[in-house]
PDB file of N, CA and C in Angstrom:
ATOM      1  N   MET A   1      69.529  94.656 134.243  1.00  0.00           N
ATOM      2  CA  MET A   1      69.123  95.580 135.148  1.00  0.00           C
ATOM      3  C   MET A   1      70.168  96.444 134.592  1.00  0.00           C
ATOM      4  N   MET A   2      69.643  97.960 134.033  1.00  0.00           N
ATOM      5  CA  MET A   2      70.904  98.541 133.916  1.00  0.00           C
ATOM      6  C   MET A   2      71.665  99.645 135.044  1.00  0.00           C
ATOM      7  N   ALA A   3      72.707  99.653 135.008  1.00  0.00           N
ATOM      8  CA  ALA A   3      73.018 100.289 136.267  1.00  0.00           C
ATOM      9  C   ALA A   3      73.226 101.859 136.274  1.00  0.00           C
ATOM     10  N   GLU A   4      73.008 102.817 137.255  1.00  0.00           N
ATOM     11  CA  GLU A   4      72.100 104.224 137.476  1.00  0.00           C
ATOM     12  C   GLU A   4      73.399 104.776 136.829  1.00  0.00           C
ATOM     13  N   PRO A   5      73.300 105.784 136.306  1.00  0.00           N
ATOM     14  CA  PRO A   5      74.351 106.702 135.751  1.00  0.00           C
ATOM     15  C   PRO A   5      75.217 107.548 137.017  1.00  0.00           C
ATOM     16  N   THR A   6      76.429 107.146 136.732  1.00  0.00           N
ATOM     17  CA  THR A   6      77.420 107.969 137.771  1.00  0.00           C
ATOM     18  C   THR A   6      77.062 109.497 137.791  1.00  0.00           C
ATOM     19  N   ARG A   7      77.339 110.074 138.865  1.00  0.00           N
ATOM     20  CA  ARG A   7      77.283 111.560 139.197  1.00  0.00           C
ATOM     21  C   ARG A   7      78.197 112.483 137.882  1.00  0.00           C
ATOM     22  N   ARG A   8      79.504 112.059 138.014  1.00  0.00           N
ATOM     23  CA  ARG A   8      79.972 112.375 136.795  1.00  0.00           C
ATOM     24  C   ARG A   8      79.671 112.480 135.120  1.00  0.00           C
ATOM     25  N   ARG A   9      78.629 111.327 135.237  1.00  0.00           N
ATOM     26  CA  ARG A   9      78.472 111.329 133.716  1.00  0.00           C
ATOM     27  C   ARG A   9      76.702 112.282 133.604  1.00  0.00           C
ATOM     28  N   VAL A  10      76.299 111.956 134.661  1.00  0.00           N
ATOM     29  CA  VAL A  10      75.104 112.997 134.999  1.00  0.00           C
ATOM     30  C   VAL A  10      75.435 114.745 134.673  1.00  0.00           C
ATOM     31  N   ARG A  11      76.413 114.822 135.337  1.00  0.00           N
ATOM     32  CA  ARG A  11      77.313 116.424 135.545  1.00  0.00           C
ATOM     33  C   ARG A  11      77.450 116.811 133.871  1.00  0.00           C
ATOM     34  N   GLY A  12      78.290 115.770 133.432  1.00  0.00           N
ATOM     35  CA  GLY A  12      78.620 115.766 131.983  1.00  0.00           C
ATOM     36  C   GLY A  12      77.659 116.230 130.942  1.00  0.00           C
ATOM     37  N   ALA A  13      76.467 115.387 131.129  1.00  0.00           N
ATOM     38  CA  ALA A  13      75.387 115.597 130.178  1.00  0.00           C
ATOM     39  C   ALA A  13      74.801 116.842 130.565  1.00  0.00           C
ATOM     40  N   ALA A  14      74.676 117.495 131.568  1.00  0.00           N
ATOM     41  CA  ALA A  14      74.190 118.394 131.994  1.00  0.00           C
ATOM     42  C   ALA A  14      74.975 119.621 131.490  1.00  0.00           C
ATOM     43  N   SER A  15      75.955 119.582 131.239  1.00  0.00           N
ATOM     44  CA  SER A  15      77.096 120.421 131.194  1.00  0.00           C
ATOM     45  C   SER A  15      77.306 120.425 129.036  1.00  0.00           C
ATOM     46  N   TYR A  16      76.925 119.398 128.990  1.00  0.00           N
ATOM     47  CA  TYR A  16      76.872 119.303 127.373  1.00  0.00           C
ATOM     48  C   TYR A  16      75.656 120.045 126.890  1.00  0.00           C
ATOM     49  N   GLN A  17      74.730 119.886 127.347  1.00  0.00           N
ATOM     50  CA  GLN A  17      73.228 120.615 127.156  1.00  0.00           C
ATOM     51  C   GLN A  17      73.437 121.994 127.394  1.00  0.00           C
ATOM     52  N   ARG A  18      73.918 122.649 128.119  1.00  0.00           N
ATOM     53  CA  ARG A  18      74.402 123.973 128.636  1.00  0.00           C
ATOM     54  C   ARG A  18      74.926 124.319 127.658  1.00  0.00           C
ATOM     55  N   GLY A  19      75.892 123.740 127.020  1.00  0.00           N
ATOM     56  CA  GLY A  19      76.873 124.131 126.061  1.00  0.00           C
ATOM     57  C   GLY A  19      76.235 124.285 124.623  1.00  0.00           C
ATOM     58  N   LEU A  20      75.073 123.221 124.562  1.00  0.00           N
ATOM     59  CA  LEU A  20      74.575 123.231 123.472  1.00  0.00           C
ATOM     60  C   LEU A  20      73.818 124.703 123.263  1.00  0.00           C
ATOM     61  N   GLN A  21      72.969 124.598 124.150  1.00  0.00           N
ATOM     62  CA  GLN A  21      72.425 125.939 124.603  1.00  0.00           C
ATOM     63  C   GLN A  21      72.894 127.283 124.359  1.00  0.00           C
ATOM     64  N   ALA A  22      74.037 127.466 125.272  1.00  0.00           N
ATOM     65  CA  ALA A  22      74.715 128.710 125.145  1.00  0.00           C
ATOM     66  C   ALA A  22      75.017 128.807 123.367  1.00  0.00           C
ATOM     67  N   GLU A  23      75.445 127.872 122.810  1.00  0.00           N
ATOM     68  CA  GLU A  23      75.818 127.951 121.358  1.00  0.00           C
ATOM     69  C   GLU A  23      74.556 128.301 120.386  1.00  0.00           C
ATOM     70  N   GLN A  24      73.546 128.034 120.970  1.00  0.00           N
ATOM     71  CA  GLN A  24      72.140 128.411 120.350  1.00  0.00           C
ATOM     72  C   GLN A  24      71.926 129.973 120.987  1.00  0.00           C
ATOM     73  N   VAL A  25      72.041 130.419 121.849  1.00  0.00           N
ATOM     74  CA  VAL A  25      71.962 131.759 122.178  1.00  0.00           C
ATOM     75  C   VAL A  25      73.167 132.701 121.655  1.00  0.00           C
ATOM     76  N   ALA A  26      74.174 132.200 121.796  1.00  0.00           N
ATOM     77  CA  ALA A  26      75.076 133.172 120.802  1.00  0.00           C
ATOM     78  C   ALA A  26      75.106 133.190 119.427  1.00  0.00           C
ATOM     79  N   GLY A  27      74.598 132.106 118.845  1.00  0.00           N
ATOM     80  CA  GLY A  27      74.571 131.959 117.237  1.00  0.00           C
ATOM     81  C   GLY A  27      73.551 133.055 117.340  1.00  0.00           C
ATOM     82  N   ALA A  28      72.259 132.883 117.617  1.00  0.00           N
ATOM     83  CA  ALA A  28      71.169 134.136 117.791  1.00  0.00           C
ATOM     84  C   ALA A  28      71.412 135.296 118.074  1.00  0.00           C
ATOM     85  N   TRP A  29      72.421 135.805 118.786  1.00  0.00           N
ATOM     86  CA  TRP A  29      72.838 136.894 119.271  1.00  0.00           C
ATOM     87  C   TRP A  29      73.387 137.398 117.954  1.00  0.00           C
ATOM     88  N   LEU A  30      74.723 136.238 117.140  1.00  0.00           N
ATOM     89  CA  LEU A  30      75.210 137.118 116.332  1.00  0.00           C
ATOM     90  C   LEU A  30      74.682 137.534 114.910  1.00  0.00           C
ATOM     91  N   GLN A  31      73.351 136.336 114.773  1.00  0.00           N
ATOM     92  CA  GLN A  31      72.386 136.852 113.954  1.00  0.00           C
ATOM     93  C   GLN A  31      71.704 138.285 114.031  1.00  0.00           C
ATOM     94  N   GLU A  32      71.421 138.415 115.112  1.00  0.00           N
ATOM     95  CA  GLU A  32      70.833 139.813 115.452  1.00  0.00           C
ATOM     96  C   GLU A  32      71.764 140.636 114.884  1.00  0.00           C
ATOM     97  N   HIS A  33      72.916 141.005 115.199  1.00  0.00           N
ATOM     98  CA  HIS A  33      73.817 141.898 114.857  1.00  0.00           C
ATOM     99  C   HIS A  33      74.723 141.779 113.331  1.00  0.00           C
ATOM    100  N   GLY A  34      73.795 140.900 112.447  1.00  0.00           N
ATOM    101  CA  GLY A  34      74.107 141.004 111.165  1.00  0.00           C
ATOM    102  C   GLY A  34      74.976 140.098 110.953  1.00  0.00           C
ATOM    103  N   TRP A  35      75.357 139.039 111.701  1.00  0.00           N
ATOM    104  CA  TRP A  35      76.289 137.965 110.925  1.00  0.00           C
ATOM    105  C   TRP A  35      75.233 136.874 110.648  1.00  0.00           C
ATOM    106  N   THR A  36      75.998 136.182 109.607  1.00  0.00           N
ATOM    107  CA  THR A  36      75.510 134.646 108.980  1.00  0.00           C
ATOM    108  C   THR A  36      76.523 133.610 109.459  1.00  0.00           C
ATOM    109  N   ILE A  37      75.512 132.669 109.880  1.00  0.00           N
ATOM    110  CA  ILE A  37      76.216 131.656 110.441  1.00  0.00           C
ATOM    111  C   ILE A  37      76.877 130.865 109.804  1.00  0.00           C
ATOM    112  N   LEU A  38      78.185 130.531 109.354  1.00  0.00           N
ATOM    113  CA  LEU A  38      78.459 129.569 108.038  1.00  0.00           C
ATOM    114  C   LEU A  38      78.459 128.259 108.616  1.00  0.00           C
ATOM    115  N   MET A  39      79.023 128.080 110.081  1.00  0.00           N
ATOM    116  CA  MET A  39      78.665 126.414 110.621  1.00  0.00           C
ATOM    117  C   MET A  39      78.796 126.511 111.991  1.00  0.00           C
ATOM    118  N   HIS A  40      78.194 125.507 112.409  1.00  0.00           N
ATOM    119  CA  HIS A  40      77.818 125.535 113.798  1.00  0.00           C
ATOM    120  C   HIS A  40      79.132 123.591 114.287  1.00  0.00           C
ATOM    121  N   ARG A  41      79.507 124.007 115.316  1.00  0.00           N
ATOM    122  CA  ARG A  41      80.076 122.811 115.699  1.00  0.00           C
ATOM    123  C   ARG A  41      81.285 122.366 114.756  1.00  0.00           C
ATOM    124  N   ALA A  42      82.172 123.182 114.137  1.00  0.00           N
ATOM    125  CA  ALA A  42      82.809 122.707 113.293  1.00  0.00           C
ATOM    126  C   ALA A  42      83.856 121.941 113.577  1.00  0.00           C
ATOM    127  N   ARG A  43      83.639 120.676 113.511  1.00  0.00           N
ATOM    128  CA  ARG A  43      84.690 119.789 113.692  1.00  0.00           C
ATOM    129  C   ARG A  43      85.777 119.500 112.683  1.00  0.00           C
ATOM    130  N   THR A  44      87.151 119.462 113.103  1.00  0.00           N
ATOM    131  CA  THR A  44      88.513 119.236 112.552  1.00  0.00           C
ATOM    132  C   THR A  44      89.284 118.492 113.098  1.00  0.00           C
ATOM    133  N   ARG A  45      90.587 118.026 112.731  1.00  0.00           N
ATOM    134  CA  ARG A  45      91.368 116.947 113.422  1.00  0.00           C
ATOM    135  C   ARG A  45      91.994 117.825 114.653  1.00  0.00           C
ATOM    136  N   TRP A  46      91.807 119.219 114.869  1.00  0.00           N
ATOM    137  CA  TRP A  46      92.588 119.776 115.853  1.00  0.00           C
ATOM    138  C   TRP A  46      91.649 120.115 116.900  1.00  0.00           C
ATOM    139  N   GLY A  47      90.214 120.186 116.158  1.00  0.00           N
ATOM    140  CA  GLY A  47      89.227 120.285 117.627  1.00  0.00           C
ATOM    141  C   GLY A  47      88.104 120.901 116.875  1.00  0.00           C
ATOM    142  N   GLU A  48      87.178 121.204 117.614  1.00  0.00           N
ATOM    143  CA  GLU A  48      85.758 122.086 117.115  1.00  0.00           C
ATOM    144  C   GLU A  48      85.746 123.253 117.636  1.00  0.00           C
ATOM    145  N   ILE A  49      85.296 124.361 116.479  1.00  0.00           N
ATOM    146  CA  ILE A  49      85.049 125.532 116.502  1.00  0.00           C
ATOM    147  C   ILE A  49      83.368 125.537 116.639  1.00  0.00           C
ATOM    148  N   ASP A  50      83.272 126.370 117.926  1.00  0.00           N
ATOM    149  CA  ASP A  50      81.764 126.616 118.281  1.00  0.00           C
ATOM    150  C   ASP A  50      81.193 127.001 117.082  1.00  0.00           C
ATOM    151  N   LEU A  51      81.583 128.070 116.334  1.00  0.00           N
ATOM    152  CA  LEU A  51      80.491 128.825 115.340  1.00  0.00           C
ATOM    153  C   LEU A  51      81.612 129.810 114.537  1.00  0.00           C
ATOM    154  N   VAL A  52      81.266 129.441 112.862  1.00  0.00           N
ATOM    155  CA  VAL A  52      82.098 130.616 112.098  1.00  0.00           C
ATOM    156  C   VAL A  52      80.977 131.196 111.616  1.00  0.00           C
ATOM    157  N   ALA A  53      81.124 132.448 111.677  1.00  0.00           N
ATOM    158  CA  ALA A  53      80.300 133.106 110.902  1.00  0.00           C
ATOM    159  C   ALA A  53      80.869 133.993 110.085  1.00  0.00           C
ATOM    160  N   GLN A  54      80.039 135.005 109.303  1.00  0.00           N
ATOM    161  CA  GLN A  54      80.440 135.914 108.371  1.00  0.00           C
ATOM    162  C   GLN A  54      79.506 137.266 108.290  1.00  0.00           C
ATOM    163  N   ARG A  55      80.244 138.507 108.118  1.00  0.00           N
ATOM    164  CA  ARG A  55      79.535 139.935 108.247  1.00  0.00           C
ATOM    165  C   ARG A  55      80.260 140.424 106.751  1.00  0.00           C
ATOM    166  N   GLY A  56      79.804 141.048 105.885  1.00  0.00           N
ATOM    167  CA  GLY A  56      80.845 141.434 104.710  1.00  0.00           C
ATOM    168  C   GLY A  56      82.166 140.204 104.188  1.00  0.00           C
ATOM    169  N   ALA A  57      83.062 141.088 104.674  1.00  0.00           N
ATOM    170  CA  ALA A  57      84.449 140.516 103.840  1.00  0.00           C
ATOM    171  C   ALA A  57      84.867 140.032 105.481  1.00  0.00           C
ATOM    172  N   MET A  58      84.331 139.901 106.514  1.00  0.00           N
ATOM    173  CA  MET A  58      85.043 139.248 107.781  1.00  0.00           C
ATOM    174  C   MET A  58      84.670 138.005 108.032  1.00  0.00           C
ATOM    175  N   ILE A  59      85.252 137.052 108.322  1.00  0.00           N
ATOM    176  CA  ILE A  59      84.708 135.666 108.987  1.00  0.00           C
ATOM    177  C   ILE A  59      85.421 135.600 110.335  1.00  0.00           C
ATOM    178  N   VAL A  60      84.338 135.386 111.559  1.00  0.00           N
ATOM    179  CA  VAL A  60      85.106 135.157 112.495  1.00  0.00           C
ATOM    180  C   VAL A  60      84.884 133.959 113.132  1.00  0.00           C
ATOM    181  N   PHE A  61      85.916 133.158 113.919  1.00  0.00           N
ATOM    182  CA  PHE A  61      85.812 132.104 114.426  1.00  0.00           C
ATOM    183  C   PHE A  61      85.216 132.290 115.991  1.00  0.00           C
ATOM    184  N   CYS A  62      84.495 131.525 116.362  1.00  0.00           N
ATOM    185  CA  CYS A  62      83.999 132.018 117.746  1.00  0.00           C
ATOM    186  C   CYS A  62      83.934 130.839 118.378  1.00  0.00           C
ATOM    187  N   GLU A  63      84.518 131.163 119.841  1.00  0.00           N
ATOM    188  CA  GLU A  63      84.296 130.215 121.142  1.00  0.00           C
ATOM    189  C   GLU A  63      83.469 130.625 122.075  1.00  0.00           C
ATOM    190  N   VAL A  64      82.418 129.905 122.112  1.00  0.00           N
ATOM    191  CA  VAL A  64      81.567 129.818 123.326  1.00  0.00           C
ATOM    192  C   VAL A  64      81.768 129.589 124.508  1.00  0.00           C
ATOM    193  N   LYS A  65      81.733 130.380 125.416  1.00  0.00           N
ATOM    194  CA  LYS A  65      81.869 130.003 126.843  1.00  0.00           C
ATOM    195  C   LYS A  65      80.665 130.476 127.685  1.00  0.00           C
ATOM    196  N   CYS A  66      80.444 129.238 128.608  1.00  0.00           N
ATOM    197  CA  CYS A  66      78.932 129.067 129.607  1.00  0.00           C
ATOM    198  C   CYS A  66      79.498 129.225 131.067  1.00  0.00           C
ATOM    199  N   ARG A  67      79.434 130.251 131.514  1.00  0.00           N
ATOM    200  CA  ARG A  67      79.844 130.317 133.002  1.00  0.00           C
ATOM    201  C   ARG A  67      78.501 131.281 133.771  1.00  0.00           C
ATOM    202  N   PRO A  68      78.863 130.785 135.120  1.00  0.00           N
ATOM    203  CA  PRO A  68      77.997 131.810 136.042  1.00  0.00           C
ATOM    204  C   PRO A  68      78.297 133.267 135.520  1.00  0.00           C
ATOM    205  N   HIS A  69      79.360 133.848 135.406  1.00  0.00           N
ATOM    206  CA  HIS A  69      79.918 135.128 135.379  1.00  0.00           C
ATOM    207  C   HIS A  69      81.218 135.351 134.573  1.00  0.00           C
ATOM    208  N   TYR A  70      80.961 136.651 134.269  1.00  0.00           N
ATOM    209  CA  TYR A  70      81.818 136.561 133.049  1.00  0.00           C
ATOM    210  C   TYR A  70      83.330 136.684 133.413  1.00  0.00           C
ATOM    211  N   THR A  71      84.007 136.661 134.433  1.00  0.00           N
ATOM    212  CA  THR A  71      85.331 136.789 134.779  1.00  0.00           C
ATOM    213  C   THR A  71      85.814 135.022 134.564  1.00  0.00           C
ATOM    214  N   THR A  72      84.736 134.226 134.965  1.00  0.00           N
ATOM    215  CA  THR A  72      85.684 133.130 134.861  1.00  0.00           C
ATOM    216  C   THR A  72      85.228 132.247 133.409  1.00  0.00           C
ATOM    217  N   ALA A  73      84.293 132.971 132.575  1.00  0.00           N
ATOM    218  CA  ALA A  73      84.068 132.482 131.486  1.00  0.00           C
ATOM    219  C   ALA A  73      85.592 132.765 130.641  1.00  0.00           C
ATOM    220  N   ALA A  74      85.755 134.274 130.860  1.00  0.00           N
ATOM    221  CA  ALA A  74      87.006 134.986 130.118  1.00  0.00           C
ATOM    222  C   ALA A  74      88.375 134.060 130.657  1.00  0.00           C
ATOM    223  N   GLU A  75      88.267 133.454 131.758  1.00  0.00           N
ATOM    224  CA  GLU A  75      89.374 132.871 131.979  1.00  0.00           C
ATOM    225  C   GLU A  75      89.644 131.793 131.805  1.00  0.00           C
ATOM    226  N   SER A  76      88.948 130.679 130.810  1.00  0.00           N
ATOM    227  CA  SER A  76      88.405 129.555 130.844  1.00  0.00           C
ATOM    228  C   SER A  76      89.172 129.158 129.643  1.00  0.00           C
ATOM    229  N   LEU A  77      89.552 130.516 128.634  1.00  0.00           N
ATOM    230  CA  LEU A  77      90.179 129.736 127.413  1.00  0.00           C
ATOM    231  C   LEU A  77      91.687 129.974 127.795  1.00  0.00           C
ATOM    232  N   GLY A  78      92.625 129.163 127.414  1.00  0.00           N
ATOM    233  CA  GLY A  78      94.195 128.708 127.837  1.00  0.00           C
ATOM    234  C   GLY A  78      94.612 128.791 126.205  1.00  0.00           C
ATOM    235  N   ARG A  79      96.150 129.131 126.395  1.00  0.00           N
ATOM    236  CA  ARG A  79      96.891 129.235 125.207  1.00  0.00           C
ATOM    237  C   ARG A  79      96.810 127.751 124.367  1.00  0.00           C
ATOM    238  N   ALA A  80      96.984 126.579 125.010  1.00  0.00           N
ATOM    239  CA  ALA A  80      96.748 125.545 124.259  1.00  0.00           C
ATOM    240  C   ALA A  80      95.597 125.566 123.322  1.00  0.00           C
ATOM    241  N   GLN A  81      94.549 125.851 124.133  1.00  0.00           N
ATOM    242  CA  GLN A  81      93.047 125.850 123.186  1.00  0.00           C
ATOM    243  C   GLN A  81      93.199 126.829 122.271  1.00  0.00           C
ATOM    244  N   MET A  82      93.701 128.174 122.418  1.00  0.00           N
ATOM    245  CA  MET A  82      93.695 128.899 121.593  1.00  0.00           C
ATOM    246  C   MET A  82      94.417 128.612 120.172  1.00  0.00           C
ATOM    247  N   ARG A  83      95.818 127.585 120.668  1.00  0.00           N
ATOM    248  CA  ARG A  83      96.311 127.059 119.588  1.00  0.00           C
ATOM    249  C   ARG A  83      95.523 126.231 118.648  1.00  0.00           C
ATOM    250  N   ARG A  84      94.704 125.396 119.264  1.00  0.00           N
ATOM    251  CA  ARG A  84      93.963 124.349 118.412  1.00  0.00           C
ATOM    252  C   ARG A  84      92.826 124.992 117.962  1.00  0.00           C
ATOM    253  N   LEU A  85      92.204 125.988 118.192  1.00  0.00           N
ATOM    254  CA  LEU A  85      91.644 126.755 117.507  1.00  0.00           C
ATOM    255  C   LEU A  85      92.012 127.638 116.078  1.00  0.00           C
ATOM    256  N   MET A  86      93.639 128.012 116.215  1.00  0.00           N
ATOM    257  CA  MET A  86      94.061 128.617 115.432  1.00  0.00           C
ATOM    258  C   MET A  86      94.109 127.521 114.268  1.00  0.00           C
ATOM    259  N   ASN A  87      94.517 126.271 114.699  1.00  0.00           N
ATOM    260  CA  ASN A  87      94.671 125.526 113.793  1.00  0.00           C
ATOM    261  C   ASN A  87      93.894 125.190 112.733  1.00  0.00           C
ATOM    262  N   ALA A  88      93.029 124.671 113.461  1.00  0.00           N
ATOM    263  CA  ALA A  88      91.240 124.515 113.294  1.00  0.00           C
ATOM    264  C   ALA A  88      90.906 125.285 112.508  1.00  0.00           C
ATOM    265  N   ALA A  89      90.834 126.731 112.535  1.00  0.00           N
ATOM    266  CA  ALA A  89      90.437 127.404 111.497  1.00  0.00           C
ATOM    267  C   ALA A  89      91.596 127.845 110.447  1.00  0.00           C
ATOM    268  N   ALA A  90      92.818 127.542 110.287  1.00  0.00           N
ATOM    269  CA  ALA A  90      93.287 127.207 109.234  1.00  0.00           C
ATOM    270  C   ALA A  90      93.052 126.163 108.322  1.00  0.00           C
ATOM    271  N   TRP A  91      92.410 125.146 109.050  1.00  0.00           N
ATOM    272  CA  TRP A  91      91.951 123.863 107.966  1.00  0.00           C
ATOM    273  C   TRP A  91      90.548 124.391 107.830  1.00  0.00           C
ATOM    274  N   LEU A  92      89.842 125.036 108.195  1.00  0.00           N
ATOM    275  CA  LEU A  92      88.429 125.350 107.575  1.00  0.00           C
ATOM    276  C   LEU A  92      88.427 126.062 106.597  1.00  0.00           C
ATOM    277  N   CYS A  93      89.580 126.726 106.696  1.00  0.00           N
ATOM    278  CA  CYS A  93      89.530 128.128 105.317  1.00  0.00           C
ATOM    279  C   CYS A  93      90.114 127.290 104.109  1.00  0.00           C
ATOM    280  N   ALA A  94      90.949 126.688 104.486  1.00  0.00           N
ATOM    281  CA  ALA A  94      91.549 125.397 103.341  1.00  0.00           C
ATOM    282  C   ALA A  94      90.733 124.667 102.718  1.00  0.00           C
ATOM    283  N   ALA A  95      89.746 123.936 103.654  1.00  0.00           N
ATOM    284  CA  ALA A  95      88.725 123.229 103.103  1.00  0.00           C
ATOM    285  C   ALA A  95      87.395 124.000 102.387  1.00  0.00           C
ATOM    286  N   HIS A  96      87.307 125.267 102.580  1.00  0.00           N
ATOM    287  CA  HIS A  96      86.346 125.955 101.993  1.00  0.00           C
ATOM    288  C   HIS A  96      86.968 126.701 101.353  1.00  0.00           C
ATOM    289  N   PRO A  97      87.085 126.493  99.914  1.00  0.00           N
ATOM    290  CA  PRO A  97      87.987 127.617  99.297  1.00  0.00           C
ATOM    291  C   PRO A  97      86.897 128.672  98.622  1.00  0.00           C
ATOM    292  N   GLY A  98      85.446 128.360  99.004  1.00  0.00           N
ATOM    293  CA  GLY A  98      84.422 129.044  98.410  1.00  0.00           C
ATOM    294  C   GLY A  98      84.007 130.686  99.501  1.00  0.00           C
ATOM    295  N   TRP A  99      84.459 130.548 100.669  1.00  0.00           N
ATOM    296  CA  TRP A  99      84.494 131.251 101.698  1.00  0.00           C
ATOM    297  C   TRP A  99      85.225 132.607 101.109  1.00  0.00           C
ATOM    298  N   ILE A 100      84.542 133.690 101.135  1.00  0.00           N
ATOM    299  CA  ILE A 100      85.339 134.867 100.586  1.00  0.00           C
ATOM    300  C   ILE A 100      85.495 135.940 101.279  1.00  0.00           C
ATOM    301  N   TYR A 101      86.705 136.301 101.834  1.00  0.00           N
ATOM    302  CA  TYR A 101      86.825 137.454 103.151  1.00  0.00           C
ATOM    303  C   TYR A 101      88.224 138.013 102.907  1.00  0.00           C
ATOM    304  N   ASP A 102      88.199 139.413 103.422  1.00  0.00           N
ATOM    305  CA  ASP A 102      89.246 139.831 103.376  1.00  0.00           C
ATOM    306  C   ASP A 102      90.238 139.761 104.689  1.00  0.00           C
ATOM    307  N   GLU A 103      89.164 139.560 105.850  1.00  0.00           N
ATOM    308  CA  GLU A 103      89.694 139.730 107.140  1.00  0.00           C
ATOM    309  C   GLU A 103      89.258 138.098 107.974  1.00  0.00           C
ATOM    310  N   MET A 104      89.905 137.939 109.238  1.00  0.00           N
ATOM    311  CA  MET A 104      89.352 136.840 109.932  1.00  0.00           C
ATOM    312  C   MET A 104      89.894 137.389 111.526  1.00  0.00           C
ATOM    313  N   ARG A 105      88.941 136.651 112.428  1.00  0.00           N
ATOM    314  CA  ARG A 105      89.696 137.070 113.792  1.00  0.00           C
ATOM    315  C   ARG A 105      89.023 135.899 114.621  1.00  0.00           C
ATOM    316  N   PHE A 106      89.339 135.792 115.621  1.00  0.00           N
ATOM    317  CA  PHE A 106      88.833 135.000 116.660  1.00  0.00           C
ATOM    318  C   PHE A 106      87.890 135.946 117.865  1.00  0.00           C
ATOM    319  N   ASP A 107      86.570 135.183 118.007  1.00  0.00           N
ATOM    320  CA  ASP A 107      86.025 136.258 119.191  1.00  0.00           C
ATOM    321  C   ASP A 107      85.797 134.751 119.842  1.00  0.00           C
ATOM    322  N   VAL A 108      85.422 135.684 121.313  1.00  0.00           N
ATOM    323  CA  VAL A 108      84.934 134.787 122.293  1.00  0.00           C
ATOM    324  C   VAL A 108      83.508 135.533 122.601  1.00  0.00           C
ATOM    325  N   LEU A 109      82.365 134.625 122.853  1.00  0.00           N
ATOM    326  CA  LEU A 109      81.001 134.893 123.290  1.00  0.00           C
ATOM    327  C   LEU A 109      80.728 134.531 124.346  1.00  0.00           C
ATOM    328  N   LEU A 110      80.972 135.136 125.454  1.00  0.00           N
ATOM    329  CA  LEU A 110      80.430 134.368 126.948  1.00  0.00           C
ATOM    330  C   LEU A 110      79.068 134.820 127.213  1.00  0.00           C
ATOM    331  N   VAL A 111      78.641 133.559 127.628  1.00  0.00           N
ATOM    332  CA  VAL A 111      76.811 133.349 127.667  1.00  0.00           C
ATOM    333  C   VAL A 111      76.849 133.095 129.237  1.00  0.00           C
ATOM    334  N   THR A 112      76.337 133.866 130.194  1.00  0.00           N
ATOM    335  CA  THR A 112      76.117 133.765 131.737  1.00  0.00           C
ATOM    336  C   THR A 112      74.753 133.672 131.956  1.00  0.00           C
ATOM    337  N   ALA A 113      74.449 133.611 132.821  1.00  0.00           N
ATOM    338  CA  ALA A 113      73.139 133.447 133.714  1.00  0.00           C
ATOM    339  C   ALA A 113      71.931 134.151 133.073  1.00  0.00           C
ATOM    340  N   GLY A 114      70.727 133.744 132.489  1.00  0.00           N
ATOM    341  CA  GLY A 114      69.764 134.284 132.107  1.00  0.00           C
ATOM    342  C   GLY A 114      70.309 134.822 130.624  1.00  0.00           C
ATOM    343  N   ASP A 115      70.853 133.788 129.728  1.00  0.00           N
ATOM    344  CA  ASP A 115      71.508 134.027 128.479  1.00  0.00           C
ATOM    345  C   ASP A 115      71.988 135.077 128.177  1.00  0.00           C
ATOM    346  N   ALA A 116      72.645 136.041 128.949  1.00  0.00           N
ATOM    347  CA  ALA A 116      73.432 137.471 128.521  1.00  0.00           C
ATOM    348  C   ALA A 116      74.319 136.985 127.746  1.00  0.00           C
ATOM    349  N   VAL A 117      74.643 138.170 126.874  1.00  0.00           N
ATOM    350  CA  VAL A 117      76.034 137.719 126.001  1.00  0.00           C
ATOM    351  C   VAL A 117      77.092 138.655 125.888  1.00  0.00           C
ATOM    352  N   HIS A 118      77.939 138.533 126.209  1.00  0.00           N
ATOM    353  CA  HIS A 118      79.069 139.077 126.296  1.00  0.00           C
ATOM    354  C   HIS A 118      80.017 139.076 124.997  1.00  0.00           C
ATOM    355  N   HIS A 119      80.564 139.535 124.400  1.00  0.00           N
ATOM    356  CA  HIS A 119      81.132 139.473 123.002  1.00  0.00           C
ATOM    357  C   HIS A 119      82.222 140.156 122.981  1.00  0.00           C
ATOM    358  N   ILE A 120      83.327 139.306 123.083  1.00  0.00           N
ATOM    359  CA  ILE A 120      85.077 139.761 123.087  1.00  0.00           C
ATOM    360  C   ILE A 120      85.254 139.777 121.371  1.00  0.00           C
ATOM    361  N   ALA A 121      85.308 140.668 120.865  1.00  0.00           N
ATOM    362  CA  ALA A 121      85.822 140.576 119.417  1.00  0.00           C
ATOM    363  C   ALA A 121      87.477 140.914 119.226  1.00  0.00           C
ATOM    364  N   ASP A 122      87.866 140.072 118.324  1.00  0.00           N
ATOM    365  CA  ASP A 122      89.364 139.857 118.208  1.00  0.00           C
ATOM    366  C   ASP A 122      89.799 139.490 119.630  1.00  0.00           C
ATOM    367  N   ALA A 123      89.547 138.574 120.335  1.00  0.00           N
ATOM    368  CA  ALA A 123      89.976 138.111 121.763  1.00  0.00           C
ATOM    369  C   ALA A 123      91.178 137.651 121.458  1.00  0.00           C
ATOM    370  N   PHE A 124      91.682 136.883 120.655  1.00  0.00           N
ATOM    371  CA  PHE A 124      93.290 136.699 120.541  1.00  0.00           C
ATOM    372  C   PHE A 124      93.601 136.713 118.634  1.00  0.00           C
ATOM    373  N   ARG A 125      94.907 136.691 118.809  1.00  0.00           N
ATOM    374  CA  ARG A 125      95.500 136.612 117.551  1.00  0.00           C
ATOM    375  C   ARG A 125      96.418 135.802 116.969  1.00  0.00           C
ATOM    376  N   LEU A 126      96.569 135.286 115.834  1.00  0.00           N
ATOM    377  CA  LEU A 126      97.647 134.200 115.269  1.00  0.00           C
ATOM    378  C   LEU A 126      98.781 134.721 115.843  1.00  0.00           C
ATOM    379  N   GLU A 127      99.700 133.607 116.135  1.00  0.00           N
ATOM    380  CA  GLU A 127     100.991 134.519 116.264  1.00  0.00           C
ATOM    381  C   GLU A 127     102.138 134.453 115.670  1.00  0.00           C
TER     382      GLU A 127
END
């Protein structure tokens, strides 16, 4: 007989599914605005970048946040996570020499109730 899943495990699975849905919504939003998705859930030893997209000579590394309100979503990205994203982006650029770009930046896409997307371009910079 299998044990029932714990409340924490059920919540974790639901959060994971919401996150996947938010990434799909954010990816579709980027494509509607002229971006080409290069990678989804790009994994590196420093962590995962939700979306990597390109438009013209610019590459963006996107963090997708799914929260009930924009303010809580925007506040959920800490300095340590920013550092990890920067390291992951540097590794991805080195690992993909075929990517041709003149500029790169870090964007945050906030997905709220009803799949509304709020795009924060150039949300943070390399230090």
